[in-house]
Amino acid sequence: MSDASLNTDNAALPLEAGFGDFFALLKPRVMTLVVFTAVVGLLAAPVAVHPVVALAAILFIAVGGGAAGALNMWWEADIDAAMKRTRKRPIPAGRVTREEAFAFGITLAAFSVVMLALATNFLAAGLLAFTIFFYVVIYTIGLKRWTPQNIVIGGAAGAFPPMIGWAAATGTISIESVMMFALIFMWTPPHFWALALFMRGDYDTAGVPMLTVTHGRRATRVHILVYTVLLAALALGAAFTGIGGPVYLGVAVVFNALFLRDAVAIWRRDEAQAEADNYRVEKRAFRLSLWYLFAHFTAILAEAVLSGFGLGGWA
């Protein structure tokens, strides 16, 4: 066999998946947010939780979140292949097949739900199962490609982890856990729409009906302002519930003032201004939104510790 023939045969061989490729299917950056907010939900609960039970709960919530990510990549392989920022993911890059990703995701999903039920309670496990179902079936398969409100709907899936953590500790759903859910739910649209304003080309290419594509950038700017105003009201209101306090209130005032500043600036700009400065304000708002959620949930955790819950309240 000639060297040329050998090289051709080798080029035709599929790339071999490694541990890193399957780990990438779990969307580790998204999983970080899932774990962090679930930890806060669990530690903010006003009950004693044994450290081993707490660690097990967070582990299985993380695995469930990763399973949802893998199943999302399984279904959206065509979209990922069309977008610059996702075309190097394991499936479009050819390192993992769609069948392998589906088997991996569905196995982890079943494992995480069953183990969370055994480690904590059926309510927490049921919420985790519903979260995975909502993200994969209702959002990814059912609605993402059909409605410009996809980000609003999808935000619900990302908002469940603190509720699951709270339920793992208490076996209940309360106003405090609902407030943490609502905080993430209302934060998601302005966070992603700010990104979409300066990443519109990717969504156009992939055919995803992002608000910027279906209704235009002017409408998107208005939506960002409306959702940010509602988010600020909700975030400040949370200061006067069981998860709030002076530390949280201080953080909420500062970050919501900054977020509102950027939302108003985005609303007042036209596309000519935005393009002239390379979407400086939109990018600043997106970067701020990354810190926004981290700051609020860190403040919730601080209030829990100061109140005697969290680490200090573990049995």
C-alpha atoms as a PDB file:
ATOM      1  CA  MET A   1       0.000   0.000   0.000  1.00  0.00           C
ATOM      2  CA  SER A   2       1.382   3.405  -0.931  1.00  0.00           C
ATOM      3  CA  ASP A   3       2.057   6.176   1.587  1.00  0.00           C
ATOM      4  CA  ALA A   4      -0.583   8.323  -0.128  1.00  0.00           C
ATOM      5  CA  SER A   5      -3.191   5.570   0.264  1.00  0.00           C
ATOM      6  CA  LEU A   6      -2.237   5.062   3.917  1.00  0.00           C
ATOM      7  CA  ASN A   7      -2.569   8.780   4.626  1.00  0.00           C
ATOM      8  CA  THR A   8      -5.989   8.852   2.959  1.00  0.00           C
ATOM      9  CA  ASP A   9      -7.185   5.879   5.009  1.00  0.00           C
ATOM     10  CA  ASN A  10      -5.958   7.492   8.239  1.00  0.00           C
ATOM     11  CA  ALA A  11      -7.700  10.757   7.404  1.00  0.00           C
ATOM     12  CA  ALA A  12     -10.964   8.866   6.978  1.00  0.00           C
ATOM     13  CA  LEU A  13     -10.774   7.327  10.443  1.00  0.00           C
ATOM     14  CA  PRO A  14     -13.075   8.967  13.041  1.00  0.00           C
ATOM     15  CA  LEU A  15     -11.445  10.972  15.809  1.00  0.00           C
ATOM     16  CA  GLU A  16     -11.243   9.085  19.096  1.00  0.00           C
ATOM     17  CA  ALA A  17     -13.129  10.610  21.999  1.00  0.00           C
ATOM     18  CA  GLY A  18     -11.252  11.152  25.234  1.00  0.00           C
ATOM     19  CA  PHE A  19     -12.298  11.901  28.787  1.00  0.00           C
ATOM     20  CA  GLY A  20     -12.118  15.610  28.054  1.00  0.00           C
ATOM     21  CA  ASP A  21     -14.646  15.288  25.235  1.00  0.00           C
ATOM     22  CA  PHE A  22     -17.251  13.608  27.424  1.00  0.00           C
ATOM     23  CA  PHE A  23     -16.562  16.115  30.176  1.00  0.00           C
ATOM     24  CA  ALA A  24     -17.129  18.917  27.653  1.00  0.00           C
ATOM     25  CA  LEU A  25     -20.569  17.436  26.906  1.00  0.00           C
ATOM     26  CA  LEU A  26     -21.531  18.291  30.481  1.00  0.00           C
ATOM     27  CA  LYS A  27     -21.100  22.017  29.739  1.00  0.00           C
ATOM     28  CA  PRO A  28     -18.772  22.561  32.722  1.00  0.00           C
ATOM     29  CA  ARG A  29     -19.095  26.356  32.649  1.00  0.00           C
ATOM     30  CA  VAL A  30     -22.872  26.096  32.946  1.00  0.00           C
ATOM     31  CA  MET A  31     -22.473  23.348  35.548  1.00  0.00           C
ATOM     32  CA  THR A  32     -20.436  25.749  37.673  1.00  0.00           C
ATOM     33  CA  LEU A  33     -23.439  28.069  37.925  1.00  0.00           C
ATOM     34  CA  VAL A  34     -25.727  25.099  38.650  1.00  0.00           C
ATOM     35  CA  VAL A  35     -23.490  23.881  41.468  1.00  0.00           C
ATOM     36  CA  PHE A  36     -22.951  27.324  42.967  1.00  0.00           C
ATOM     37  CA  THR A  37     -26.640  28.277  43.105  1.00  0.00           C
ATOM     38  CA  ALA A  38     -27.602  24.813  44.367  1.00  0.00           C
ATOM     39  CA  VAL A  39     -25.035  25.113  47.154  1.00  0.00           C
ATOM     40  CA  VAL A  40     -26.442  28.489  48.136  1.00  0.00           C
ATOM     41  CA  GLY A  41     -29.985  27.116  48.103  1.00  0.00           C
ATOM     42  CA  LEU A  42     -28.962  24.226  50.326  1.00  0.00           C
ATOM     43  CA  LEU A  43     -26.911  26.298  52.779  1.00  0.00           C
ATOM     44  CA  ALA A  44     -29.468  29.114  52.981  1.00  0.00           C
ATOM     45  CA  ALA A  45     -32.136  26.681  54.175  1.00  0.00           C
ATOM     46  CA  PRO A  46     -32.859  27.110  57.911  1.00  0.00           C
ATOM     47  CA  VAL A  47     -32.197  23.481  58.822  1.00  0.00           C
ATOM     48  CA  ALA A  48     -29.238  21.363  59.806  1.00  0.00           C
ATOM     49  CA  VAL A  49     -27.819  19.200  57.010  1.00  0.00           C
ATOM     50  CA  HIS A  50     -25.142  16.594  57.547  1.00  0.00           C
ATOM     51  CA  PRO A  51     -22.001  17.400  55.496  1.00  0.00           C
ATOM     52  CA  VAL A  52     -22.008  13.994  53.779  1.00  0.00           C
ATOM     53  CA  VAL A  53     -25.651  14.386  52.750  1.00  0.00           C
ATOM     54  CA  ALA A  54     -24.987  17.933  51.548  1.00  0.00           C
ATOM     55  CA  LEU A  55     -21.981  16.894  49.451  1.00  0.00           C
ATOM     56  CA  ALA A  56     -23.910  13.984  47.959  1.00  0.00           C
ATOM     57  CA  ALA A  57     -26.837  16.251  47.090  1.00  0.00           C
ATOM     58  CA  ILE A  58     -24.614  18.789  45.332  1.00  0.00           C
ATOM     59  CA  LEU A  59     -22.773  16.042  43.453  1.00  0.00           C
ATOM     60  CA  PHE A  60     -25.978  14.513  42.101  1.00  0.00           C
ATOM     61  CA  ILE A  61     -27.463  17.916  41.226  1.00  0.00           C
ATOM     62  CA  ALA A  62     -24.251  18.668  39.305  1.00  0.00           C
ATOM     63  CA  VAL A  63     -24.449  15.333  37.477  1.00  0.00           C
ATOM     64  CA  GLY A  64     -28.084  16.027  36.592  1.00  0.00           C
ATOM     65  CA  GLY A  65     -27.167  19.457  35.255  1.00  0.00           C
ATOM     66  CA  GLY A  66     -24.384  17.914  33.203  1.00  0.00           C
ATOM     67  CA  ALA A  67     -26.762  15.274  31.844  1.00  0.00           C
ATOM     68  CA  ALA A  68     -29.097  18.019  30.622  1.00  0.00           C
ATOM     69  CA  GLY A  69     -26.151  19.698  28.919  1.00  0.00           C
ATOM     70  CA  ALA A  70     -25.139  16.482  27.151  1.00  0.00           C
ATOM     71  CA  LEU A  71     -28.692  15.885  25.923  1.00  0.00           C
ATOM     72  CA  ASN A  72     -28.871  19.496  24.756  1.00  0.00           C
ATOM     73  CA  MET A  73     -25.705  18.991  22.684  1.00  0.00           C
ATOM     74  CA  TRP A  74     -27.117  15.731  21.313  1.00  0.00           C
ATOM     75  CA  TRP A  75     -30.175  17.496  19.943  1.00  0.00           C
ATOM     76  CA  GLU A  76     -28.467  20.713  18.845  1.00  0.00           C
ATOM     77  CA  ALA A  77     -25.495  19.221  16.993  1.00  0.00           C
ATOM     78  CA  ASP A  78     -26.610  20.891  13.755  1.00  0.00           C
ATOM     79  CA  ILE A  79     -26.906  24.304  15.408  1.00  0.00           C
ATOM     80  CA  ASP A  80     -23.526  23.901  17.102  1.00  0.00           C
ATOM     81  CA  ALA A  81     -21.912  23.037  13.765  1.00  0.00           C
ATOM     82  CA  ALA A  82     -23.263  26.244  12.215  1.00  0.00           C
ATOM     83  CA  MET A  83     -22.103  28.643  14.947  1.00  0.00           C
ATOM     84  CA  LYS A  84     -18.504  29.817  15.271  1.00  0.00           C
ATOM     85  CA  ARG A  85     -18.446  29.734  19.057  1.00  0.00           C
ATOM     86  CA  THR A  86     -19.761  26.135  19.256  1.00  0.00           C
ATOM     87  CA  ARG A  87     -18.476  24.343  16.152  1.00  0.00           C
ATOM     88  CA  LYS A  88     -15.497  22.914  18.070  1.00  0.00           C
ATOM     89  CA  ARG A  89     -17.711  21.101  20.565  1.00  0.00           C
ATOM     90  CA  PRO A  90     -17.225  17.295  20.644  1.00  0.00           C
ATOM     91  CA  ILE A  91     -20.154  16.315  18.387  1.00  0.00           C
ATOM     92  CA  PRO A  92     -19.761  18.819  15.508  1.00  0.00           C
ATOM     93  CA  ALA A  93     -15.985  18.321  15.695  1.00  0.00           C
ATOM     94  CA  GLY A  94     -16.532  14.587  15.111  1.00  0.00           C
ATOM     95  CA  ARG A  95     -14.997  13.320  18.344  1.00  0.00           C
ATOM     96  CA  VAL A  96     -18.276  12.062  19.842  1.00  0.00           C
ATOM     97  CA  THR A  97     -21.268  10.702  17.925  1.00  0.00           C
ATOM     98  CA  ARG A  98     -24.809  11.863  18.620  1.00  0.00           C
ATOM     99  CA  GLU A  99     -25.699   8.336  19.715  1.00  0.00           C
ATOM    100  CA  GLU A 100     -22.865   8.286  22.243  1.00  0.00           C
ATOM    101  CA  ALA A 101     -23.901  11.696  23.588  1.00  0.00           C
ATOM    102  CA  PHE A 102     -27.528  10.594  23.979  1.00  0.00           C
ATOM    103  CA  ALA A 103     -26.594   7.373  25.790  1.00  0.00           C
ATOM    104  CA  PHE A 104     -24.185   9.288  28.028  1.00  0.00           C
ATOM    105  CA  GLY A 105     -26.727  11.982  28.876  1.00  0.00           C
ATOM    106  CA  ILE A 106     -29.708   9.715  29.508  1.00  0.00           C
ATOM    107  CA  THR A 107     -27.636   7.409  31.728  1.00  0.00           C
ATOM    108  CA  LEU A 108     -26.368  10.291  33.833  1.00  0.00           C
ATOM    109  CA  ALA A 109     -29.860  11.765  34.071  1.00  0.00           C
ATOM    110  CA  ALA A 110     -31.385   8.550  35.441  1.00  0.00           C
ATOM    111  CA  PHE A 111     -28.430   7.998  37.783  1.00  0.00           C
ATOM    112  CA  SER A 112     -28.549  11.524  39.214  1.00  0.00           C
ATOM    113  CA  VAL A 113     -32.297  11.482  39.904  1.00  0.00           C
ATOM    114  CA  VAL A 114     -32.301   8.067  41.573  1.00  0.00           C
ATOM    115  CA  MET A 115     -29.245   8.840  43.692  1.00  0.00           C
ATOM    116  CA  LEU A 116     -30.587  12.238  44.788  1.00  0.00           C
ATOM    117  CA  ALA A 117     -33.813  10.558  45.905  1.00  0.00           C
ATOM    118  CA  LEU A 118     -31.834   8.039  47.946  1.00  0.00           C
ATOM    119  CA  ALA A 119     -29.501  10.673  49.405  1.00  0.00           C
ATOM    120  CA  THR A 120     -32.132  13.306  50.272  1.00  0.00           C
ATOM    121  CA  ASN A 121     -35.836  13.100  49.430  1.00  0.00           C
ATOM    122  CA  PHE A 122     -38.295  12.542  46.592  1.00  0.00           C
ATOM    123  CA  LEU A 123     -39.221  16.220  46.265  1.00  0.00           C
ATOM    124  CA  ALA A 124     -35.635  17.217  45.469  1.00  0.00           C
ATOM    125  CA  ALA A 125     -35.294  14.283  43.060  1.00  0.00           C
ATOM    126  CA  GLY A 126     -38.598  15.142  41.415  1.00  0.00           C
ATOM    127  CA  LEU A 127     -37.512  18.754  40.923  1.00  0.00           C
ATOM    128  CA  LEU A 128     -34.234  17.560  39.392  1.00  0.00           C
ATOM    129  CA  ALA A 129     -36.072  15.193  37.041  1.00  0.00           C
ATOM    130  CA  PHE A 130     -38.465  17.957  36.010  1.00  0.00           C
ATOM    131  CA  THR A 131     -35.571  20.356  35.444  1.00  0.00           C
ATOM    132  CA  ILE A 132     -33.839  17.921  33.088  1.00  0.00           C
ATOM    133  CA  PHE A 133     -37.126  17.214  31.281  1.00  0.00           C
ATOM    134  CA  PHE A 134     -37.958  20.911  31.009  1.00  0.00           C
ATOM    135  CA  TYR A 135     -34.546  21.871  29.638  1.00  0.00           C
ATOM    136  CA  VAL A 136     -34.231  19.007  27.165  1.00  0.00           C
ATOM    137  CA  VAL A 137     -37.797  18.314  26.018  1.00  0.00           C
ATOM    138  CA  ILE A 138     -39.776  21.519  26.537  1.00  0.00           C
ATOM    139  CA  TYR A 139     -37.009  24.052  25.847  1.00  0.00           C
ATOM    140  CA  THR A 140     -34.384  22.412  23.612  1.00  0.00           C
ATOM    141  CA  ILE A 141     -36.596  20.118  21.522  1.00  0.00           C
ATOM    142  CA  GLY A 142     -39.955  21.829  21.768  1.00  0.00           C
ATOM    143  CA  LEU A 143     -39.558  25.590  21.827  1.00  0.00           C
ATOM    144  CA  LYS A 144     -36.032  26.892  21.212  1.00  0.00           C
ATOM    145  CA  ARG A 145     -36.301  26.811  17.420  1.00  0.00           C
ATOM    146  CA  TRP A 146     -39.882  28.091  17.333  1.00  0.00           C
ATOM    147  CA  THR A 147     -40.212  31.165  19.527  1.00  0.00           C
ATOM    148  CA  PRO A 148     -38.178  34.342  20.131  1.00  0.00           C
ATOM    149  CA  GLN A 149     -39.068  33.927  23.806  1.00  0.00           C
ATOM    150  CA  ASN A 150     -36.783  30.863  23.922  1.00  0.00           C
ATOM    151  CA  ILE A 151     -34.387  32.511  26.356  1.00  0.00           C
ATOM    152  CA  VAL A 152     -37.226  33.489  28.694  1.00  0.00           C
ATOM    153  CA  ILE A 153     -38.586  29.938  28.708  1.00  0.00           C
ATOM    154  CA  GLY A 154     -35.148  28.346  28.930  1.00  0.00           C
ATOM    155  CA  GLY A 155     -34.299  30.551  31.880  1.00  0.00           C
ATOM    156  CA  ALA A 156     -36.688  28.510  34.018  1.00  0.00           C
ATOM    157  CA  ALA A 157     -34.504  25.408  33.665  1.00  0.00           C
ATOM    158  CA  GLY A 158     -31.432  27.278  34.856  1.00  0.00           C
ATOM    159  CA  ALA A 159     -33.378  28.744  37.756  1.00  0.00           C
ATOM    160  CA  PHE A 160     -34.313  25.450  39.440  1.00  0.00           C
ATOM    161  CA  PRO A 161     -30.963  24.463  41.093  1.00  0.00           C
ATOM    162  CA  PRO A 162     -31.344  26.656  44.220  1.00  0.00           C
ATOM    163  CA  MET A 163     -34.879  25.307  44.647  1.00  0.00           C
ATOM    164  CA  ILE A 164     -33.514  21.774  44.375  1.00  0.00           C
ATOM    165  CA  GLY A 165     -30.807  22.541  46.938  1.00  0.00           C
ATOM    166  CA  TRP A 166     -33.389  24.053  49.293  1.00  0.00           C
ATOM    167  CA  ALA A 167     -35.689  21.047  48.835  1.00  0.00           C
ATOM    168  CA  ALA A 168     -32.786  18.652  49.445  1.00  0.00           C
ATOM    169  CA  ALA A 169     -32.256  20.312  52.826  1.00  0.00           C
ATOM    170  CA  THR A 170     -35.841  20.947  53.892  1.00  0.00           C
ATOM    171  CA  GLY A 171     -38.057  18.628  51.840  1.00  0.00           C
ATOM    172  CA  THR A 172     -40.218  21.669  51.019  1.00  0.00           C
ATOM    173  CA  ILE A 173     -40.701  24.575  48.628  1.00  0.00           C
ATOM    174  CA  SER A 174     -40.931  28.004  50.269  1.00  0.00           C
ATOM    175  CA  ILE A 175     -41.134  31.671  49.335  1.00  0.00           C
ATOM    176  CA  GLU A 176     -37.365  31.915  49.829  1.00  0.00           C
ATOM    177  CA  SER A 177     -36.591  29.178  47.326  1.00  0.00           C
ATOM    178  CA  VAL A 178     -39.115  30.642  44.886  1.00  0.00           C
ATOM    179  CA  MET A 179     -37.393  34.036  45.196  1.00  0.00           C
ATOM    180  CA  MET A 180     -34.031  32.480  44.324  1.00  0.00           C
ATOM    181  CA  PHE A 181     -35.674  30.785  41.345  1.00  0.00           C
ATOM    182  CA  ALA A 182     -37.232  34.078  40.230  1.00  0.00           C
ATOM    183  CA  LEU A 183     -33.942  35.936  40.566  1.00  0.00           C
ATOM    184  CA  ILE A 184     -32.235  33.648  38.048  1.00  0.00           C
ATOM    185  CA  PHE A 185     -35.331  33.468  35.832  1.00  0.00           C
ATOM    186  CA  MET A 186     -35.572  37.266  35.461  1.00  0.00           C
ATOM    187  CA  TRP A 187     -31.796  37.680  35.089  1.00  0.00           C
ATOM    188  CA  THR A 188     -31.494  35.253  32.170  1.00  0.00           C
ATOM    189  CA  PRO A 189     -33.212  37.288  29.387  1.00  0.00           C
ATOM    190  CA  PRO A 190     -31.247  40.570  29.726  1.00  0.00           C
ATOM    191  CA  HIS A 191     -28.046  38.554  30.211  1.00  0.00           C
ATOM    192  CA  PHE A 192     -28.446  36.607  26.948  1.00  0.00           C
ATOM    193  CA  TRP A 193     -30.065  39.412  24.949  1.00  0.00           C
ATOM    194  CA  ALA A 194     -27.086  41.652  25.696  1.00  0.00           C
ATOM    195  CA  LEU A 195     -24.891  38.876  24.275  1.00  0.00           C
ATOM    196  CA  ALA A 196     -27.182  38.455  21.264  1.00  0.00           C
ATOM    197  CA  LEU A 197     -26.837  42.142  20.360  1.00  0.00           C
ATOM    198  CA  PHE A 198     -23.166  41.700  19.523  1.00  0.00           C
ATOM    199  CA  MET A 199     -23.322  38.008  18.490  1.00  0.00           C
ATOM    200  CA  ARG A 200     -26.306  38.225  16.121  1.00  0.00           C
ATOM    201  CA  GLY A 201     -24.470  36.733  13.138  1.00  0.00           C
ATOM    202  CA  ASP A 202     -24.174  33.324  14.808  1.00  0.00           C
ATOM    203  CA  TYR A 203     -27.893  33.108  15.529  1.00  0.00           C
ATOM    204  CA  ASP A 204     -28.758  34.202  11.982  1.00  0.00           C
ATOM    205  CA  THR A 205     -26.535  31.485  10.541  1.00  0.00           C
ATOM    206  CA  ALA A 206     -27.928  28.774  12.814  1.00  0.00           C
ATOM    207  CA  GLY A 207     -31.546  29.780  12.236  1.00  0.00           C
ATOM    208  CA  VAL A 208     -32.277  30.222  15.943  1.00  0.00           C
ATOM    209  CA  PRO A 209     -35.181  32.674  16.376  1.00  0.00           C
ATOM    210  CA  MET A 210     -33.443  34.895  18.893  1.00  0.00           C
ATOM    211  CA  LEU A 211     -35.308  38.149  19.589  1.00  0.00           C
ATOM    212  CA  THR A 212     -32.627  40.095  17.712  1.00  0.00           C
ATOM    213  CA  VAL A 213     -33.361  38.011  14.620  1.00  0.00           C
ATOM    214  CA  THR A 214     -37.177  37.933  14.709  1.00  0.00           C
ATOM    215  CA  HIS A 215     -38.030  41.366  16.099  1.00  0.00           C
ATOM    216  CA  GLY A 216     -34.871  43.383  15.499  1.00  0.00           C
ATOM    217  CA  ARG A 217     -32.359  45.064  17.734  1.00  0.00           C
ATOM    218  CA  ARG A 218     -34.568  48.024  18.636  1.00  0.00           C
ATOM    219  CA  ALA A 219     -37.148  45.688  20.163  1.00  0.00           C
ATOM    220  CA  THR A 220     -34.401  43.725  21.907  1.00  0.00           C
ATOM    221  CA  ARG A 221     -33.093  46.906  23.531  1.00  0.00           C
ATOM    222  CA  VAL A 222     -36.576  47.703  24.843  1.00  0.00           C
ATOM    223  CA  HIS A 223     -36.973  44.167  26.192  1.00  0.00           C
ATOM    224  CA  ILE A 224     -33.620  44.386  27.991  1.00  0.00           C
ATOM    225  CA  LEU A 225     -34.719  47.559  29.760  1.00  0.00           C
ATOM    226  CA  VAL A 226     -38.126  46.162  30.764  1.00  0.00           C
ATOM    227  CA  TYR A 227     -36.696  42.917  32.133  1.00  0.00           C
ATOM    228  CA  THR A 228     -33.905  44.741  33.980  1.00  0.00           C
ATOM    229  CA  VAL A 229     -36.406  47.033  35.701  1.00  0.00           C
ATOM    230  CA  LEU A 230     -38.475  44.008  36.769  1.00  0.00           C
ATOM    231  CA  LEU A 231     -35.315  42.189  37.858  1.00  0.00           C
ATOM    232  CA  ALA A 232     -34.192  45.135  39.991  1.00  0.00           C
ATOM    233  CA  ALA A 233     -37.571  45.301  41.742  1.00  0.00           C
ATOM    234  CA  LEU A 234     -37.478  41.567  42.428  1.00  0.00           C
ATOM    235  CA  ALA A 235     -33.862  41.587  43.618  1.00  0.00           C
ATOM    236  CA  LEU A 236     -34.446  44.463  46.015  1.00  0.00           C
ATOM    237  CA  GLY A 237     -37.658  42.869  47.272  1.00  0.00           C
ATOM    238  CA  ALA A 238     -35.765  39.674  48.116  1.00  0.00           C
ATOM    239  CA  ALA A 239     -33.802  41.664  50.708  1.00  0.00           C
ATOM    240  CA  PHE A 240     -36.915  41.677  52.890  1.00  0.00           C
ATOM    241  CA  THR A 241     -37.503  37.919  52.830  1.00  0.00           C
ATOM    242  CA  GLY A 242     -35.839  35.151  54.818  1.00  0.00           C
ATOM    243  CA  ILE A 243     -32.828  35.036  52.469  1.00  0.00           C
ATOM    244  CA  GLY A 244     -32.176  38.789  52.687  1.00  0.00           C
ATOM    245  CA  GLY A 245     -30.608  41.179  55.144  1.00  0.00           C
ATOM    246  CA  PRO A 246     -28.316  44.217  55.240  1.00  0.00           C
ATOM    247  CA  VAL A 247     -25.435  42.548  53.391  1.00  0.00           C
ATOM    248  CA  TYR A 248     -27.699  41.346  50.613  1.00  0.00           C
ATOM    249  CA  LEU A 249     -29.488  44.707  50.425  1.00  0.00           C
ATOM    250  CA  GLY A 250     -26.186  46.559  49.997  1.00  0.00           C
ATOM    251  CA  VAL A 251     -25.086  44.239  47.199  1.00  0.00           C
ATOM    252  CA  ALA A 252     -28.502  44.434  45.513  1.00  0.00           C
ATOM    253  CA  VAL A 253     -28.553  48.235  45.558  1.00  0.00           C
ATOM    254  CA  VAL A 254     -25.099  48.542  43.984  1.00  0.00           C
ATOM    255  CA  PHE A 255     -25.430  45.877  41.303  1.00  0.00           C
ATOM    256  CA  ASN A 256     -28.971  46.751  40.281  1.00  0.00           C
ATOM    257  CA  ALA A 257     -28.046  50.410  39.990  1.00  0.00           C
ATOM    258  CA  LEU A 258     -25.174  49.455  37.661  1.00  0.00           C
ATOM    259  CA  PHE A 259     -27.313  47.030  35.662  1.00  0.00           C
ATOM    260  CA  LEU A 260     -30.075  49.618  35.273  1.00  0.00           C
ATOM    261  CA  ARG A 261     -27.501  52.173  34.142  1.00  0.00           C
ATOM    262  CA  ASP A 262     -26.346  49.850  31.372  1.00  0.00           C
ATOM    263  CA  ALA A 263     -29.894  48.828  30.407  1.00  0.00           C
ATOM    264  CA  VAL A 264     -30.919  52.467  30.010  1.00  0.00           C
ATOM    265  CA  ALA A 265     -27.767  53.170  27.986  1.00  0.00           C
ATOM    266  CA  ILE A 266     -28.503  50.181  25.714  1.00  0.00           C
ATOM    267  CA  TRP A 267     -32.100  51.342  25.262  1.00  0.00           C
ATOM    268  CA  ARG A 268     -31.047  54.882  24.295  1.00  0.00           C
ATOM    269  CA  ARG A 269     -28.525  53.774  21.658  1.00  0.00           C
ATOM    270  CA  ASP A 270     -29.203  53.101  18.004  1.00  0.00           C
ATOM    271  CA  GLU A 271     -27.295  50.620  15.870  1.00  0.00           C
ATOM    272  CA  ALA A 272     -25.076  53.253  14.307  1.00  0.00           C
ATOM    273  CA  GLN A 273     -23.813  54.301  17.740  1.00  0.00           C
ATOM    274  CA  ALA A 274     -23.377  50.698  18.856  1.00  0.00           C
ATOM    275  CA  GLU A 275     -21.431  49.696  15.754  1.00  0.00           C
ATOM    276  CA  ALA A 276     -19.274  52.823  15.951  1.00  0.00           C
ATOM    277  CA  ASP A 277     -17.855  51.817  19.340  1.00  0.00           C
ATOM    278  CA  ASN A 278     -17.941  48.049  18.703  1.00  0.00           C
ATOM    279  CA  TYR A 279     -20.870  47.472  21.070  1.00  0.00           C
ATOM    280  CA  ARG A 280     -18.901  48.700  24.066  1.00  0.00           C
ATOM    281  CA  VAL A 281     -21.961  49.278  26.280  1.00  0.00           C
ATOM    282  CA  GLU A 282     -23.591  45.972  25.345  1.00  0.00           C
ATOM    283  CA  LYS A 283     -20.398  44.078  26.118  1.00  0.00           C
ATOM    284  CA  ARG A 284     -20.037  45.938  29.415  1.00  0.00           C
ATOM    285  CA  ALA A 285     -23.608  44.996  30.360  1.00  0.00           C
ATOM    286  CA  PHE A 286     -22.949  41.359  29.503  1.00  0.00           C
ATOM    287  CA  ARG A 287     -19.769  41.261  31.622  1.00  0.00           C
ATOM    288  CA  LEU A 288     -21.601  42.925  34.499  1.00  0.00           C
ATOM    289  CA  SER A 289     -24.411  40.370  34.240  1.00  0.00           C
ATOM    290  CA  LEU A 290     -21.874  37.595  34.808  1.00  0.00           C
ATOM    291  CA  TRP A 291     -20.905  39.143  38.134  1.00  0.00           C
ATOM    292  CA  TYR A 292     -24.474  40.146  38.987  1.00  0.00           C
ATOM    293  CA  LEU A 293     -25.766  36.674  39.783  1.00  0.00           C
ATOM    294  CA  PHE A 294     -22.567  35.624  41.551  1.00  0.00           C
ATOM    295  CA  ALA A 295     -22.720  38.715  43.790  1.00  0.00           C
ATOM    296  CA  HIS A 296     -26.378  38.244  44.728  1.00  0.00           C
ATOM    297  CA  PHE A 297     -26.038  34.556  45.590  1.00  0.00           C
ATOM    298  CA  THR A 298     -22.811  35.165  47.497  1.00  0.00           C
ATOM    299  CA  ALA A 299     -24.697  37.765  49.534  1.00  0.00           C
ATOM    300  CA  ILE A 300     -27.505  35.253  50.188  1.00  0.00           C
ATOM    301  CA  LEU A 301     -24.893  32.779  51.413  1.00  0.00           C
ATOM    302  CA  ALA A 302     -23.301  35.447  53.625  1.00  0.00           C
ATOM    303  CA  GLU A 303     -26.672  36.225  55.192  1.00  0.00           C
ATOM    304  CA  ALA A 304     -27.221  32.505  55.860  1.00  0.00           C
ATOM    305  CA  VAL A 305     -23.869  32.187  57.607  1.00  0.00           C
ATOM    306  CA  LEU A 306     -24.448  35.342  59.645  1.00  0.00           C
ATOM    307  CA  SER A 307     -27.860  33.996  60.655  1.00  0.00           C
ATOM    308  CA  GLY A 308     -26.362  30.771  61.947  1.00  0.00           C
ATOM    309  CA  PHE A 309     -27.316  28.532  59.061  1.00  0.00           C
ATOM    310  CA  GLY A 310     -25.006  27.336  56.314  1.00  0.00           C
ATOM    311  CA  LEU A 311     -21.807  25.717  57.529  1.00  0.00           C
ATOM    312  CA  GLY A 312     -22.482  26.813  61.081  1.00  0.00           C
ATOM    313  CA  GLY A 313     -25.870  25.100  61.068  1.00  0.00           C
ATOM    314  CA  TRP A 314     -24.731  21.689  59.913  1.00  0.00           C
ATOM    315  CA  ALA A 315     -25.322  18.845  62.335  1.00  0.00           C
END
